[in-house]
């Protein structure tokens, strides 16, 4: 049986790793936008406006998923113990 401490530690590390991935994605989108836009526009046949919206939507949904599935359960387990 897995203890609550193990689950809490797991969720904590998941949160740290996912926030790191979010920061790396944000940095790439902010500073290497031209290269990324060129690659994605060729791959998916989208214009710059659609890609900007897709990047913004991706970052927002990923951040929300981190909050809902990692951070909030971690905080709840911290409060419980």
C-alpha atoms as a PDB file:
ATOM      1  CA  UNK A   1       0.000   0.000   0.000  1.00  0.00           C
ATOM      2  CA  UNK A   2       1.277   3.469  -0.859  1.00  0.00           C
ATOM      3  CA  UNK A   3       1.394   5.940   2.015  1.00  0.00           C
ATOM      4  CA  UNK A   4       0.035   9.460   1.875  1.00  0.00           C
ATOM      5  CA  UNK A   5       3.563  10.798   2.377  1.00  0.00           C
ATOM      6  CA  UNK A   6       4.703   8.997  -0.770  1.00  0.00           C
ATOM      7  CA  UNK A   7       1.794  10.400  -2.790  1.00  0.00           C
ATOM      8  CA  UNK A   8       2.467  13.898  -1.437  1.00  0.00           C
ATOM      9  CA  UNK A   9       6.143  13.667  -2.368  1.00  0.00           C
ATOM     10  CA  UNK A  10       5.232  12.306  -5.815  1.00  0.00           C
ATOM     11  CA  UNK A  11       2.821  15.191  -6.467  1.00  0.00           C
ATOM     12  CA  UNK A  12       5.399  17.699  -5.264  1.00  0.00           C
ATOM     13  CA  UNK A  13       8.009  16.434  -7.709  1.00  0.00           C
ATOM     14  CA  UNK A  14       5.427  16.242 -10.512  1.00  0.00           C
ATOM     15  CA  UNK A  15       4.597  19.885  -9.866  1.00  0.00           C
ATOM     16  CA  UNK A  16       8.255  20.939  -9.929  1.00  0.00           C
ATOM     17  CA  UNK A  17       8.992  19.032 -13.135  1.00  0.00           C
ATOM     18  CA  UNK A  18       5.851  20.289 -14.905  1.00  0.00           C
ATOM     19  CA  UNK A  19       6.517  23.910 -13.926  1.00  0.00           C
ATOM     20  CA  UNK A  20      10.046  23.476 -15.287  1.00  0.00           C
ATOM     21  CA  UNK A  21       8.672  22.185 -18.584  1.00  0.00           C
ATOM     22  CA  UNK A  22       6.210  25.100 -18.695  1.00  0.00           C
ATOM     23  CA  UNK A  23       9.042  27.595 -18.118  1.00  0.00           C
ATOM     24  CA  UNK A  24      11.189  26.014 -20.834  1.00  0.00           C
ATOM     25  CA  UNK A  25       8.267  26.083 -23.295  1.00  0.00           C
ATOM     26  CA  UNK A  26       7.550  29.714 -22.418  1.00  0.00           C
ATOM     27  CA  UNK A  27      11.202  30.694 -22.887  1.00  0.00           C
ATOM     28  CA  UNK A  28      11.365  28.921 -26.258  1.00  0.00           C
ATOM     29  CA  UNK A  29       8.172  30.613 -27.435  1.00  0.00           C
ATOM     30  CA  UNK A  30       9.346  34.017 -26.205  1.00  0.00           C
ATOM     31  CA  UNK A  31      12.934  33.981 -27.474  1.00  0.00           C
ATOM     32  CA  UNK A  32      12.955  31.538 -30.416  1.00  0.00           C
ATOM     33  CA  UNK A  33       9.577  32.516 -31.823  1.00  0.00           C
ATOM     34  CA  UNK A  34      10.770  32.975 -35.404  1.00  0.00           C
ATOM     35  CA  UNK A  35      12.325  29.533 -35.679  1.00  0.00           C
ATOM     36  CA  UNK A  36       9.450  27.792 -33.917  1.00  0.00           C
ATOM     37  CA  UNK A  37       6.847  29.637 -35.984  1.00  0.00           C
ATOM     38  CA  UNK A  38       8.624  28.710 -39.218  1.00  0.00           C
ATOM     39  CA  UNK A  39       8.768  25.036 -38.297  1.00  0.00           C
ATOM     40  CA  UNK A  40       5.158  24.853 -37.088  1.00  0.00           C
ATOM     41  CA  UNK A  41       3.738  26.841 -39.988  1.00  0.00           C
ATOM     42  CA  UNK A  42       5.355  24.405 -42.430  1.00  0.00           C
ATOM     43  CA  UNK A  43       4.254  21.343 -40.468  1.00  0.00           C
ATOM     44  CA  UNK A  44       0.658  22.362 -39.805  1.00  0.00           C
ATOM     45  CA  UNK A  45       0.009  24.897 -42.600  1.00  0.00           C
ATOM     46  CA  UNK A  46      -1.011  27.691 -40.197  1.00  0.00           C
ATOM     47  CA  UNK A  47      -0.394  31.417 -40.411  1.00  0.00           C
ATOM     48  CA  UNK A  48       1.307  33.512 -37.712  1.00  0.00           C
ATOM     49  CA  UNK A  49      -1.933  34.713 -36.110  1.00  0.00           C
ATOM     50  CA  UNK A  50      -3.243  31.164 -35.704  1.00  0.00           C
ATOM     51  CA  UNK A  51       0.074  30.003 -34.302  1.00  0.00           C
ATOM     52  CA  UNK A  52       0.156  32.851 -31.762  1.00  0.00           C
ATOM     53  CA  UNK A  53      -3.298  31.873 -30.587  1.00  0.00           C
ATOM     54  CA  UNK A  54      -2.299  28.183 -30.444  1.00  0.00           C
ATOM     55  CA  UNK A  55       0.827  28.960 -28.396  1.00  0.00           C
ATOM     56  CA  UNK A  56      -1.148  31.114 -25.957  1.00  0.00           C
ATOM     57  CA  UNK A  57      -3.847  28.450 -25.642  1.00  0.00           C
ATOM     58  CA  UNK A  58      -1.258  25.700 -25.102  1.00  0.00           C
ATOM     59  CA  UNK A  59       0.524  27.598 -22.333  1.00  0.00           C
ATOM     60  CA  UNK A  60      -2.758  28.466 -20.619  1.00  0.00           C
ATOM     61  CA  UNK A  61      -4.167  24.951 -20.757  1.00  0.00           C
ATOM     62  CA  UNK A  62      -0.901  23.378 -19.619  1.00  0.00           C
ATOM     63  CA  UNK A  63      -0.692  25.773 -16.666  1.00  0.00           C
ATOM     64  CA  UNK A  64      -4.286  25.012 -15.711  1.00  0.00           C
ATOM     65  CA  UNK A  65      -3.619  21.261 -15.931  1.00  0.00           C
ATOM     66  CA  UNK A  66      -0.601  21.646 -13.611  1.00  0.00           C
ATOM     67  CA  UNK A  67      -2.747  23.495 -11.073  1.00  0.00           C
ATOM     68  CA  UNK A  68      -5.645  21.049 -11.194  1.00  0.00           C
ATOM     69  CA  UNK A  69      -3.782  17.736 -11.346  1.00  0.00           C
ATOM     70  CA  UNK A  70      -0.545  18.453  -9.440  1.00  0.00           C
ATOM     71  CA  UNK A  71      -0.508  21.597  -7.330  1.00  0.00           C
ATOM     72  CA  UNK A  72      -3.969  21.535  -5.736  1.00  0.00           C
ATOM     73  CA  UNK A  73      -3.790  17.853  -4.671  1.00  0.00           C
ATOM     74  CA  UNK A  74      -0.298  18.499  -3.280  1.00  0.00           C
ATOM     75  CA  UNK A  75      -1.537  21.476  -1.241  1.00  0.00           C
ATOM     76  CA  UNK A  76      -4.505  19.476   0.031  1.00  0.00           C
ATOM     77  CA  UNK A  77      -2.221  16.667   1.191  1.00  0.00           C
ATOM     78  CA  UNK A  78       0.079  19.212   2.872  1.00  0.00           C
ATOM     79  CA  UNK A  79      -2.912  20.688   4.730  1.00  0.00           C
ATOM     80  CA  UNK A  80      -4.152  17.236   5.758  1.00  0.00           C
ATOM     81  CA  UNK A  81      -0.837  16.209   7.304  1.00  0.00           C
END
